[in-house]
Amino acid sequence: MKIALIVLLCLVLVLAVGITATIGWRPFIGPRSRPLTSRVFERTPERLTRGKYLVEGVTPCMVCHSPHDWTKHDAPVVPGMEGAGQDMSIIAGLPGQVVAPNLTPDPETGAGNWSDDALARAIREGIGHDGRTLFPMMPYQNFHDLQDEDLASIIVYLRTLPAVRNPLPASAIIFPVKYLIRSVPEPLTSPVPAPDLYNQAKQGAYLVKMAGCADCHTPQAQGQPLAGMDFAGGQNFEGPWGKVATSNLTPDPSGIPYYDEALFVQTMRTGSVKARSLNQIMPWHFFRNMTDDNLKAIFAYMKTLKPVKHLVDNTEPATLCKIDKTMHGGGDKN
């Protein structure tokens, strides 16, 4: 009995150390979360204008939270369904059913009964109005750095969307992912000031993070970005738009060193690189609403990216890439 007890205690100790050193205890005890407050963001014309610009041009809110006609090059939002939510199961390979909820003020199927702070907590901290952990496809890790005024502006604008009744199923993430994602949320208990935007590239870095460019254009393994492969492309997206791998955006010869500022702005406005059309899963149809100054700032930041050799060519057959271990066009040339 003594020997058995000692062995059991040793196993428990090893298990405890192993959990602490790997996934941590959050999957078992729940996510970090703060209590909701009664704060309300003042509705001002300036915030409404800024919020409209951010939601319709910079952040990918309506890319996920609105149904689209994916058969068209500009993937227009279904008329009358702006912000009404979308079942993201249209994307192949997700760990279960991921649903971007209805953000319109409909009280039954939308966000009409959610407080301003519930929206704020969901956007920047990854905790839903009902206390659950949001699947990190919702880019709250990027929005963690969203300055307070921009956050307020987004929420003020969302409150003005026409209410749309659109019942959607709840997200149902598979085991063990639904528990592992509990480690991701980080509460915010202090103000987030405006970032240092003293030069064009700094402005671009902020916009790129809010737009989530790296989320798609950085290859991943088991949901985590590959080290040293920032913006090097290769993520596969399969859905109604077909199957396409994201491009290498770095200035390496295998990326886009031939882009200049004018070509970049034109591409974001038209969804075409000269005669080649971008796939509609690339949300140029929202980014085209950015000002020239903001697009130029993004390009200034992109020029500072580290060159990464990684050929991704959707015009070639999909072959195994030894770098990111996935199948994409030109993969065997890496």
Protein backbone atom coordinates (compact mmCIF):
# COMPACT_ATOMS: atom_id res chain seq x y z
CA MET A 1 0.00 0.00 0.00
CA LYS A 2 2.82 2.40 0.85
CA ILE A 3 4.60 1.64 -2.42
CA ALA A 4 1.37 2.08 -4.38
CA LEU A 5 0.69 5.40 -2.64
CA ILE A 6 4.20 6.67 -3.39
CA VAL A 7 3.89 5.63 -7.05
CA LEU A 8 0.50 7.36 -7.28
CA LEU A 9 1.84 10.55 -5.73
CA CYS A 10 4.80 10.50 -8.12
CA LEU A 11 2.49 10.08 -11.10
CA VAL A 12 0.31 12.97 -9.92
CA LEU A 13 3.40 15.14 -9.45
CA VAL A 14 4.74 14.28 -12.90
CA LEU A 15 1.31 14.96 -14.44
CA ALA A 16 1.04 18.31 -12.64
CA VAL A 17 4.51 19.37 -13.76
CA GLY A 18 3.78 18.21 -17.31
CA ILE A 19 0.52 20.18 -17.51
CA THR A 20 2.16 23.29 -16.05
CA ALA A 21 5.03 23.10 -18.55
CA THR A 22 2.86 22.44 -21.62
CA ILE A 23 -0.79 23.42 -21.99
CA GLY A 24 -1.16 25.02 -18.56
CA TRP A 25 -4.22 24.81 -16.31
CA ARG A 26 -6.57 27.13 -18.19
CA PRO A 27 -8.13 24.30 -20.25
CA PHE A 28 -9.28 22.82 -16.93
CA ILE A 29 -10.12 25.86 -14.81
CA GLY A 30 -11.43 28.13 -17.57
CA PRO A 31 -10.18 31.25 -19.36
CA ARG A 32 -8.89 34.41 -17.77
CA SER A 33 -11.81 36.80 -17.71
CA ARG A 34 -12.85 40.04 -16.07
CA PRO A 35 -16.35 40.95 -14.86
CA LEU A 36 -18.44 43.10 -17.17
CA THR A 37 -18.90 46.75 -16.29
CA SER A 38 -21.74 49.18 -16.97
CA ARG A 39 -19.70 51.44 -19.24
CA VAL A 40 -21.47 52.88 -22.27
CA PHE A 41 -19.64 54.50 -25.18
CA GLU A 42 -20.94 57.94 -26.02
CA ARG A 43 -22.51 58.09 -29.46
CA THR A 44 -20.86 60.95 -31.36
CA PRO A 45 -20.77 61.78 -35.09
CA GLU A 46 -16.97 61.48 -35.03
CA ARG A 47 -17.09 57.98 -33.57
CA LEU A 48 -19.81 56.92 -35.99
CA THR A 49 -17.73 58.08 -38.97
CA ARG A 50 -14.55 56.46 -37.67
CA GLY A 51 -16.35 53.24 -36.76
CA LYS A 52 -17.94 52.95 -40.19
CA TYR A 53 -14.52 53.38 -41.79
CA LEU A 54 -12.86 50.79 -39.56
CA VAL A 55 -15.62 48.18 -39.93
CA GLU A 56 -16.11 48.61 -43.67
CA GLY A 57 -12.50 49.16 -44.68
CA VAL A 58 -9.85 48.12 -42.16
CA THR A 59 -10.97 45.36 -39.80
CA PRO A 60 -12.32 42.06 -41.17
CA CYS A 61 -15.58 42.32 -39.16
CA MET A 62 -17.94 42.04 -42.11
CA VAL A 63 -15.81 39.45 -43.89
CA CYS A 64 -16.90 36.91 -41.27
CA HIS A 65 -20.03 38.44 -39.74
CA SER A 66 -21.97 38.77 -43.02
CA PRO A 67 -23.00 36.16 -45.61
CA HIS A 68 -21.49 36.73 -49.06
CA ASP A 69 -22.07 35.77 -52.66
CA TRP A 70 -18.78 33.90 -53.01
CA THR A 71 -19.37 33.22 -56.72
CA LYS A 72 -18.49 36.82 -57.59
CA HIS A 73 -15.06 38.40 -57.73
CA ASP A 74 -15.91 41.08 -55.18
CA ALA A 75 -17.82 38.63 -52.93
CA PRO A 76 -20.60 41.14 -52.14
CA VAL A 77 -22.50 40.90 -48.88
CA VAL A 78 -25.99 39.49 -49.41
CA PRO A 79 -28.23 42.60 -49.56
CA GLY A 80 -29.88 43.41 -46.25
CA MET A 81 -27.64 41.01 -44.30
CA GLU A 82 -24.81 43.33 -43.26
CA GLY A 83 -23.51 42.14 -39.89
CA ALA A 84 -26.14 39.39 -39.62
CA GLY A 85 -23.60 36.64 -39.01
CA GLN A 86 -22.29 33.67 -40.96
CA ASP A 87 -21.61 29.99 -40.41
CA MET A 88 -17.87 29.75 -41.04
CA SER A 89 -18.16 26.04 -41.77
CA ILE A 90 -17.96 27.15 -45.40
CA ILE A 91 -14.19 26.99 -44.78
CA ALA A 92 -12.95 23.42 -44.95
CA GLY A 93 -10.84 22.01 -42.13
CA LEU A 94 -12.07 23.96 -39.13
CA PRO A 95 -12.19 22.10 -35.77
CA GLY A 96 -15.94 21.83 -35.59
CA GLN A 97 -18.68 24.32 -36.37
CA VAL A 98 -17.47 27.91 -36.04
CA VAL A 99 -20.19 30.55 -36.26
CA ALA A 100 -19.61 34.30 -36.51
CA PRO A 101 -22.67 35.62 -34.65
CA ASN A 102 -25.22 38.18 -35.68
CA LEU A 103 -23.89 41.61 -34.61
CA THR A 104 -26.97 43.61 -35.56
CA PRO A 105 -29.18 45.05 -32.79
CA ASP A 106 -31.85 42.36 -33.20
CA PRO A 107 -32.78 41.49 -29.58
CA GLU A 108 -33.54 37.82 -30.21
CA THR A 109 -30.94 36.61 -32.70
CA GLY A 110 -28.39 39.43 -32.59
CA ALA A 111 -26.52 41.70 -30.21
CA GLY A 112 -29.47 43.87 -29.21
CA ASN A 113 -29.30 42.76 -25.57
CA TRP A 114 -25.51 42.74 -25.29
CA SER A 115 -23.99 45.61 -23.33
CA ASP A 116 -21.32 47.87 -24.78
CA ASP A 117 -18.79 46.30 -22.44
CA ALA A 118 -19.81 42.79 -23.50
CA LEU A 119 -19.00 43.75 -27.07
CA ALA A 120 -15.75 45.41 -25.97
CA ARG A 121 -14.70 42.33 -24.01
CA ALA A 122 -15.47 40.03 -26.93
CA ILE A 123 -13.63 42.17 -29.48
CA ARG A 124 -10.38 42.68 -27.55
CA GLU A 125 -10.35 39.91 -24.94
CA GLY A 126 -11.98 36.90 -26.55
CA ILE A 127 -14.76 36.30 -24.02
CA GLY A 128 -18.30 36.15 -25.37
CA HIS A 129 -21.30 37.89 -23.86
CA ASP A 130 -22.20 34.54 -22.29
CA GLY A 131 -18.75 33.99 -20.77
CA ARG A 132 -17.51 31.39 -23.25
CA THR A 133 -14.11 31.48 -24.92
CA LEU A 134 -14.29 32.66 -28.52
CA PHE A 135 -12.52 30.57 -31.14
CA PRO A 136 -9.35 32.52 -32.09
CA MET A 137 -10.47 32.76 -35.70
CA MET A 138 -12.08 35.86 -34.20
CA PRO A 139 -8.89 37.98 -34.20
CA TYR A 140 -9.14 39.25 -30.63
CA GLN A 141 -5.41 38.67 -30.18
CA ASN A 142 -4.83 41.36 -32.81
CA PHE A 143 -7.57 43.58 -31.42
CA HIS A 144 -5.97 43.37 -27.97
CA ASP A 145 -3.91 46.36 -29.19
CA LEU A 146 -6.92 48.20 -30.63
CA GLN A 147 -6.78 51.65 -29.09
CA ASP A 148 -9.69 52.65 -26.86
CA GLU A 149 -11.05 55.31 -29.19
CA ASP A 150 -11.10 52.95 -32.17
CA LEU A 151 -12.82 50.29 -30.04
CA ALA A 152 -15.48 52.80 -28.98
CA SER A 153 -15.97 53.90 -32.59
CA ILE A 154 -16.50 50.34 -33.82
CA ILE A 155 -19.11 49.63 -31.15
CA VAL A 156 -20.91 52.92 -31.80
CA TYR A 157 -21.13 52.02 -35.49
CA LEU A 158 -22.29 48.44 -34.87
CA ARG A 159 -25.18 49.82 -32.81
CA THR A 160 -26.42 51.69 -35.92
CA LEU A 161 -26.69 48.61 -38.15
CA PRO A 162 -30.26 47.76 -39.15
CA ALA A 163 -31.57 44.95 -36.97
CA VAL A 164 -31.73 41.66 -38.89
CA ARG A 165 -33.46 38.57 -37.57
CA ASN A 166 -31.11 35.73 -38.51
CA PRO A 167 -31.15 32.65 -36.25
CA LEU A 168 -27.80 30.87 -36.31
CA PRO A 169 -26.52 27.78 -34.51
CA ALA A 170 -24.02 28.17 -31.69
CA SER A 171 -20.38 27.38 -32.34
CA ALA A 172 -19.51 23.78 -31.51
CA ILE A 173 -15.75 23.30 -31.30
CA ILE A 174 -14.48 19.73 -31.12
CA PHE A 175 -12.57 18.16 -28.24
CA PRO A 176 -9.84 18.94 -27.19
CA VAL A 177 -9.68 22.26 -29.09
CA LYS A 178 -12.67 23.70 -27.23
CA TYR A 179 -10.68 23.36 -24.00
CA LEU A 180 -7.26 24.30 -25.34
CA ILE A 181 -8.50 27.67 -26.61
CA ARG A 182 -9.30 28.66 -23.02
CA SER A 183 -5.62 29.56 -22.67
CA VAL A 184 -5.83 32.31 -25.31
CA PRO A 185 -7.95 35.16 -23.83
CA GLU A 186 -6.16 37.94 -21.95
CA PRO A 187 -8.23 40.40 -19.88
CA LEU A 188 -7.69 44.13 -20.28
CA THR A 189 -7.96 46.10 -17.06
CA SER A 190 -6.19 49.30 -18.09
CA PRO A 191 -6.63 51.78 -20.97
CA VAL A 192 -5.14 51.06 -24.40
CA PRO A 193 -3.79 54.38 -25.70
CA ALA A 194 -3.21 55.30 -29.32
CA PRO A 195 -0.04 53.61 -30.63
CA ASP A 196 3.07 55.52 -31.59
CA LEU A 197 2.41 56.43 -35.21
CA TYR A 198 5.27 58.84 -35.72
CA ASN A 199 6.05 57.56 -39.23
CA GLN A 200 4.26 55.97 -42.16
CA ALA A 201 5.55 52.45 -41.52
CA LYS A 202 4.37 52.59 -37.88
CA GLN A 203 0.91 53.57 -39.07
CA GLY A 204 1.02 50.69 -41.53
CA ALA A 205 2.00 48.21 -38.81
CA TYR A 206 -1.06 49.18 -36.76
CA LEU A 207 -3.39 48.88 -39.76
CA VAL A 208 -1.90 45.53 -40.80
CA LYS A 209 -2.48 44.14 -37.32
CA MET A 210 -6.07 45.38 -37.22
CA ALA A 211 -6.68 43.94 -40.71
CA GLY A 212 -5.29 40.56 -39.68
CA CYS A 213 -2.99 40.26 -42.71
CA ALA A 214 -0.49 37.99 -40.95
CA ASP A 215 -3.24 35.63 -39.78
CA CYS A 216 -3.80 34.46 -43.35
CA HIS A 217 -0.44 35.18 -44.94
CA THR A 218 1.71 33.32 -42.37
CA PRO A 219 1.86 29.51 -42.64
CA GLN A 220 0.75 27.60 -39.57
CA ALA A 221 1.18 24.23 -37.92
CA GLN A 222 -1.52 23.06 -35.49
CA GLY A 223 -2.99 26.54 -35.41
CA GLN A 224 0.30 28.27 -34.53
CA PRO A 225 2.35 30.46 -36.91
CA LEU A 226 5.61 28.93 -38.07
CA ALA A 227 8.61 30.72 -36.58
CA GLY A 228 10.53 32.86 -39.04
CA MET A 229 7.80 32.61 -41.69
CA ASP A 230 5.94 35.86 -41.06
CA PHE A 231 3.90 36.93 -44.12
CA ALA A 232 5.51 34.15 -46.23
CA GLY A 233 2.16 32.74 -47.40
CA GLY A 234 1.08 29.18 -47.98
CA GLN A 235 -2.06 28.83 -45.88
CA ASN A 236 -4.76 26.94 -47.77
CA PHE A 237 -8.36 28.15 -47.82
CA GLU A 238 -10.97 25.87 -49.36
CA GLY A 239 -14.60 26.82 -49.73
CA PRO A 240 -17.17 28.14 -52.23
CA TRP A 241 -14.38 30.25 -53.77
CA GLY A 242 -12.37 27.11 -54.63
CA LYS A 243 -9.06 26.13 -53.06
CA VAL A 244 -6.33 28.72 -52.85
CA ALA A 245 -3.11 29.28 -50.91
CA THR A 246 -2.18 32.71 -49.60
CA SER A 247 0.66 34.60 -51.26
CA ASN A 248 4.13 35.36 -49.93
CA LEU A 249 4.01 39.10 -49.17
CA THR A 250 7.68 39.50 -48.29
CA PRO A 251 10.17 41.25 -50.62
CA ASP A 252 12.02 37.99 -51.34
CA PRO A 253 12.19 37.07 -55.07
CA SER A 254 9.65 34.32 -54.28
CA GLY A 255 7.32 36.97 -52.85
CA ILE A 256 6.26 40.36 -54.26
CA PRO A 257 9.48 42.37 -54.75
CA TYR A 258 8.06 43.78 -58.01
CA TYR A 259 5.29 45.69 -56.23
CA ASP A 260 5.58 49.44 -55.99
CA GLU A 261 3.26 51.76 -54.13
CA ALA A 262 1.08 52.47 -57.16
CA LEU A 263 0.63 48.78 -58.00
CA PHE A 264 -0.23 47.94 -54.40
CA VAL A 265 -2.90 50.64 -54.18
CA GLN A 266 -4.31 49.61 -57.56
CA THR A 267 -4.43 45.95 -56.48
CA MET A 268 -6.32 46.77 -53.29
CA ARG A 269 -8.76 48.94 -55.22
CA THR A 270 -9.48 46.52 -58.07
CA GLY A 271 -8.70 43.03 -56.74
CA SER A 272 -6.38 42.45 -59.68
CA VAL A 273 -2.62 42.45 -60.17
CA LYS A 274 -2.51 43.67 -63.76
CA ALA A 275 -4.30 40.88 -65.67
CA ARG A 276 -4.36 38.42 -62.75
CA SER A 277 -7.39 38.50 -60.46
CA LEU A 278 -7.10 37.90 -56.73
CA ASN A 279 -9.30 35.18 -55.32
CA GLN A 280 -12.38 36.58 -53.58
CA ILE A 281 -11.40 35.05 -50.23
CA MET A 282 -8.79 37.83 -50.10
CA PRO A 283 -10.95 40.67 -48.68
CA TRP A 284 -9.72 43.35 -51.05
CA HIS A 285 -13.41 44.21 -51.50
CA PHE A 286 -13.31 45.69 -47.99
CA PHE A 287 -9.75 46.98 -48.01
CA ARG A 288 -10.50 48.97 -51.16
CA ASN A 289 -12.49 51.30 -48.90
CA MET A 290 -9.31 52.48 -47.15
CA THR A 291 -7.93 55.90 -47.91
CA ASP A 292 -4.91 56.22 -50.17
CA ASP A 293 -2.87 57.41 -47.19
CA ASN A 294 -3.70 54.28 -45.20
CA LEU A 295 -2.97 51.94 -48.11
CA LYS A 296 0.34 53.69 -48.69
CA ALA A 297 1.16 53.32 -45.00
CA ILE A 298 0.49 49.57 -45.22
CA PHE A 299 2.79 49.30 -48.23
CA ALA A 300 5.49 51.28 -46.37
CA TYR A 301 5.28 48.72 -43.57
CA MET A 302 5.37 45.80 -45.98
CA LYS A 303 8.64 47.08 -47.40
CA THR A 304 10.17 46.62 -43.94
CA LEU A 305 9.30 42.90 -43.80
CA LYS A 306 12.12 40.37 -43.64
CA PRO A 307 12.50 38.56 -46.99
CA VAL A 308 11.49 34.90 -46.65
CA LYS A 309 12.12 32.38 -49.42
CA HIS A 310 8.86 30.47 -49.91
CA LEU A 311 7.35 29.97 -53.34
CA VAL A 312 3.54 29.86 -53.45
CA ASP A 313 2.03 29.80 -56.94
CA ASN A 314 -1.66 28.99 -57.33
CA THR A 315 -1.25 28.59 -61.09
CA GLU A 316 0.83 25.45 -60.53
CA PRO A 317 -0.34 22.03 -59.29
CA ALA A 318 -0.45 21.58 -55.51
CA THR A 319 2.61 19.66 -54.32
CA LEU A 320 4.11 19.00 -50.91
CA CYS A 321 6.16 21.87 -49.52
CA LYS A 322 9.00 20.80 -47.24
CA ILE A 323 8.94 24.18 -45.50
CA ASP A 324 5.35 24.36 -44.26
CA LYS A 325 4.52 20.65 -44.74
CA THR A 326 1.34 21.43 -46.70
CA MET A 327 0.23 21.00 -50.30
CA HIS A 328 0.16 24.17 -52.35
CA GLY A 329 1.10 25.34 -55.82
CA GLY A 330 4.85 25.28 -56.37
CA GLY A 331 5.39 23.53 -53.04
CA ASP A 332 7.93 21.06 -54.45
CA LYS A 333 10.16 23.95 -55.55
CA ASN A 334 10.89 25.01 -51.99
